[in-house]
Amino acid sequence: MPVAETLDGVGRSHLALAQHDEARTVWEEALELYRDQGRDEDAAQMRRQLDYLPR
């Protein structure tokens, strides 16, 4: 499994445990990887997930 997808899964686990800061950290890393790979749709989805997280 590619790294960005793994980070997405880890972020979802953190979200389920209400660990929002940890989810944000791994999702931001996944977002950068998606952007670097030119995976615009995946990057947009990751951006939406990040926007959903409480601050």
N, C-alpha and C. Protein backbone atom coordinates (compact mmCIF):
# COMPACT_ATOMS: atom_id res chain seq x y z
N MET A 1 0.85 -1.18 0.00
CA MET A 1 0.00 0.00 0.00
C MET A 1 0.90 1.24 0.00
N PRO A 2 0.62 2.19 -0.87
CA PRO A 2 1.43 3.41 -0.92
C PRO A 2 1.34 4.19 0.39
N VAL A 3 2.34 4.99 0.62
CA VAL A 3 2.48 5.71 1.89
C VAL A 3 1.31 6.66 2.14
N ALA A 4 0.88 7.42 1.14
CA ALA A 4 -0.19 8.39 1.35
C ALA A 4 -1.48 7.71 1.81
N GLU A 5 -1.81 6.57 1.21
CA GLU A 5 -3.01 5.84 1.63
C GLU A 5 -2.87 5.30 3.04
N THR A 6 -1.68 4.87 3.40
CA THR A 6 -1.43 4.40 4.75
C THR A 6 -1.63 5.54 5.75
N LEU A 7 -1.09 6.70 5.42
CA LEU A 7 -1.26 7.86 6.30
C LEU A 7 -2.72 8.25 6.42
N ASP A 8 -3.47 8.14 5.34
CA ASP A 8 -4.90 8.43 5.39
C ASP A 8 -5.58 7.50 6.39
N GLY A 9 -5.26 6.21 6.32
CA GLY A 9 -5.84 5.25 7.25
C GLY A 9 -5.46 5.51 8.69
N VAL A 10 -4.22 5.88 8.91
CA VAL A 10 -3.76 6.21 10.26
C VAL A 10 -4.52 7.44 10.77
N GLY A 11 -4.71 8.42 9.90
CA GLY A 11 -5.46 9.60 10.28
C GLY A 11 -6.89 9.28 10.64
N ARG A 12 -7.51 8.38 9.90
CA ARG A 12 -8.89 7.96 10.21
C ARG A 12 -8.95 7.28 11.57
N SER A 13 -7.94 6.49 11.89
CA SER A 13 -7.89 5.85 13.20
C SER A 13 -7.78 6.90 14.31
N HIS A 14 -6.92 7.88 14.10
CA HIS A 14 -6.80 8.97 15.08
C HIS A 14 -8.12 9.71 15.22
N LEU A 15 -8.79 9.96 14.11
CA LEU A 15 -10.07 10.66 14.16
C LEU A 15 -11.09 9.88 14.98
N ALA A 16 -11.13 8.57 14.77
CA ALA A 16 -12.07 7.72 15.50
C ALA A 16 -11.82 7.77 17.01
N LEU A 17 -10.58 8.02 17.38
CA LEU A 17 -10.21 8.11 18.79
C LEU A 17 -10.23 9.55 19.30
N ALA A 18 -10.76 10.46 18.49
CA ALA A 18 -10.84 11.89 18.83
C ALA A 18 -9.45 12.51 19.06
N GLN A 19 -8.45 11.97 18.38
CA GLN A 19 -7.09 12.51 18.45
C GLN A 19 -6.88 13.41 17.23
N HIS A 20 -7.49 14.57 17.29
CA HIS A 20 -7.55 15.45 16.12
C HIS A 20 -6.20 16.02 15.71
N ASP A 21 -5.37 16.35 16.66
CA ASP A 21 -4.05 16.89 16.31
C ASP A 21 -3.21 15.84 15.58
N GLU A 22 -3.29 14.61 16.05
CA GLU A 22 -2.53 13.54 15.41
C GLU A 22 -3.06 13.25 14.01
N ALA A 23 -4.39 13.26 13.86
CA ALA A 23 -4.99 13.07 12.55
C ALA A 23 -4.54 14.16 11.59
N ARG A 24 -4.55 15.40 12.06
CA ARG A 24 -4.13 16.53 11.22
C ARG A 24 -2.69 16.35 10.76
N THR A 25 -1.82 15.94 11.66
CA THR A 25 -0.40 15.78 11.33
C THR A 25 -0.21 14.77 10.19
N VAL A 26 -0.81 13.60 10.31
CA VAL A 26 -0.60 12.59 9.27
C VAL A 26 -1.34 12.93 7.99
N TRP A 27 -2.51 13.56 8.09
CA TRP A 27 -3.24 13.96 6.89
C TRP A 27 -2.52 15.08 6.14
N GLU A 28 -1.88 15.98 6.84
CA GLU A 28 -1.11 17.02 6.16
C GLU A 28 0.05 16.40 5.39
N GLU A 29 0.68 15.39 5.97
CA GLU A 29 1.76 14.69 5.27
C GLU A 29 1.22 13.96 4.04
N ALA A 30 0.08 13.31 4.19
CA ALA A 30 -0.55 12.63 3.04
C ALA A 30 -0.91 13.63 1.95
N LEU A 31 -1.43 14.79 2.34
CA LEU A 31 -1.78 15.82 1.37
C LEU A 31 -0.57 16.23 0.54
N GLU A 32 0.55 16.44 1.20
CA GLU A 32 1.77 16.82 0.47
C GLU A 32 2.20 15.72 -0.49
N LEU A 33 2.12 14.48 -0.06
CA LEU A 33 2.49 13.37 -0.94
C LEU A 33 1.56 13.31 -2.15
N TYR A 34 0.25 13.45 -1.94
CA TYR A 34 -0.68 13.45 -3.05
C TYR A 34 -0.36 14.57 -4.03
N ARG A 35 -0.07 15.75 -3.51
CA ARG A 35 0.28 16.89 -4.38
C ARG A 35 1.56 16.61 -5.16
N ASP A 36 2.57 16.09 -4.47
CA ASP A 36 3.84 15.78 -5.12
C ASP A 36 3.67 14.76 -6.24
N GLN A 37 2.71 13.85 -6.07
CA GLN A 37 2.47 12.80 -7.05
C GLN A 37 1.49 13.23 -8.14
N GLY A 38 1.00 14.46 -8.05
CA GLY A 38 0.05 14.95 -9.04
C GLY A 38 -1.32 14.31 -8.94
N ARG A 39 -1.65 13.82 -7.77
CA ARG A 39 -2.93 13.14 -7.55
C ARG A 39 -3.94 14.17 -7.01
N ASP A 40 -4.41 14.99 -7.93
CA ASP A 40 -5.24 16.14 -7.56
C ASP A 40 -6.54 15.75 -6.88
N GLU A 41 -7.21 14.73 -7.35
CA GLU A 41 -8.48 14.32 -6.73
C GLU A 41 -8.25 13.83 -5.30
N ASP A 42 -7.21 13.04 -5.11
CA ASP A 42 -6.89 12.55 -3.77
C ASP A 42 -6.49 13.71 -2.86
N ALA A 43 -5.74 14.67 -3.40
CA ALA A 43 -5.35 15.84 -2.62
C ALA A 43 -6.57 16.65 -2.22
N ALA A 44 -7.52 16.80 -3.13
CA ALA A 44 -8.74 17.55 -2.82
C ALA A 44 -9.55 16.86 -1.73
N GLN A 45 -9.62 15.53 -1.79
CA GLN A 45 -10.34 14.78 -0.76
C GLN A 45 -9.64 14.94 0.60
N MET A 46 -8.32 14.89 0.58
CA MET A 46 -7.57 15.05 1.83
C MET A 46 -7.77 16.45 2.40
N ARG A 47 -7.82 17.45 1.52
CA ARG A 47 -8.06 18.82 1.97
C ARG A 47 -9.43 18.94 2.64
N ARG A 48 -10.44 18.27 2.07
CA ARG A 48 -11.77 18.28 2.67
C ARG A 48 -11.74 17.63 4.05
N GLN A 49 -11.02 16.52 4.18
CA GLN A 49 -10.91 15.86 5.48
C GLN A 49 -10.25 16.78 6.51
N LEU A 50 -9.21 17.47 6.08
CA LEU A 50 -8.53 18.40 6.99
C LEU A 50 -9.44 19.55 7.38
N ASP A 51 -10.23 20.03 6.43
CA ASP A 51 -11.14 21.14 6.72
C ASP A 51 -12.23 20.72 7.69
N TYR A 52 -12.58 19.44 7.70
CA TYR A 52 -13.61 18.89 8.57
C TYR A 52 -13.16 18.81 10.04
N LEU A 53 -11.87 18.65 10.24
CA LEU A 53 -11.35 18.46 11.61
C LEU A 53 -11.58 19.69 12.47
N PRO A 54 -12.02 19.46 13.71
CA PRO A 54 -12.12 20.58 14.64
C PRO A 54 -10.73 21.13 14.96
N ARG A 55 -10.66 22.38 15.24
CA ARG A 55 -9.38 23.01 15.62
C ARG A 55 -9.26 23.06 17.12
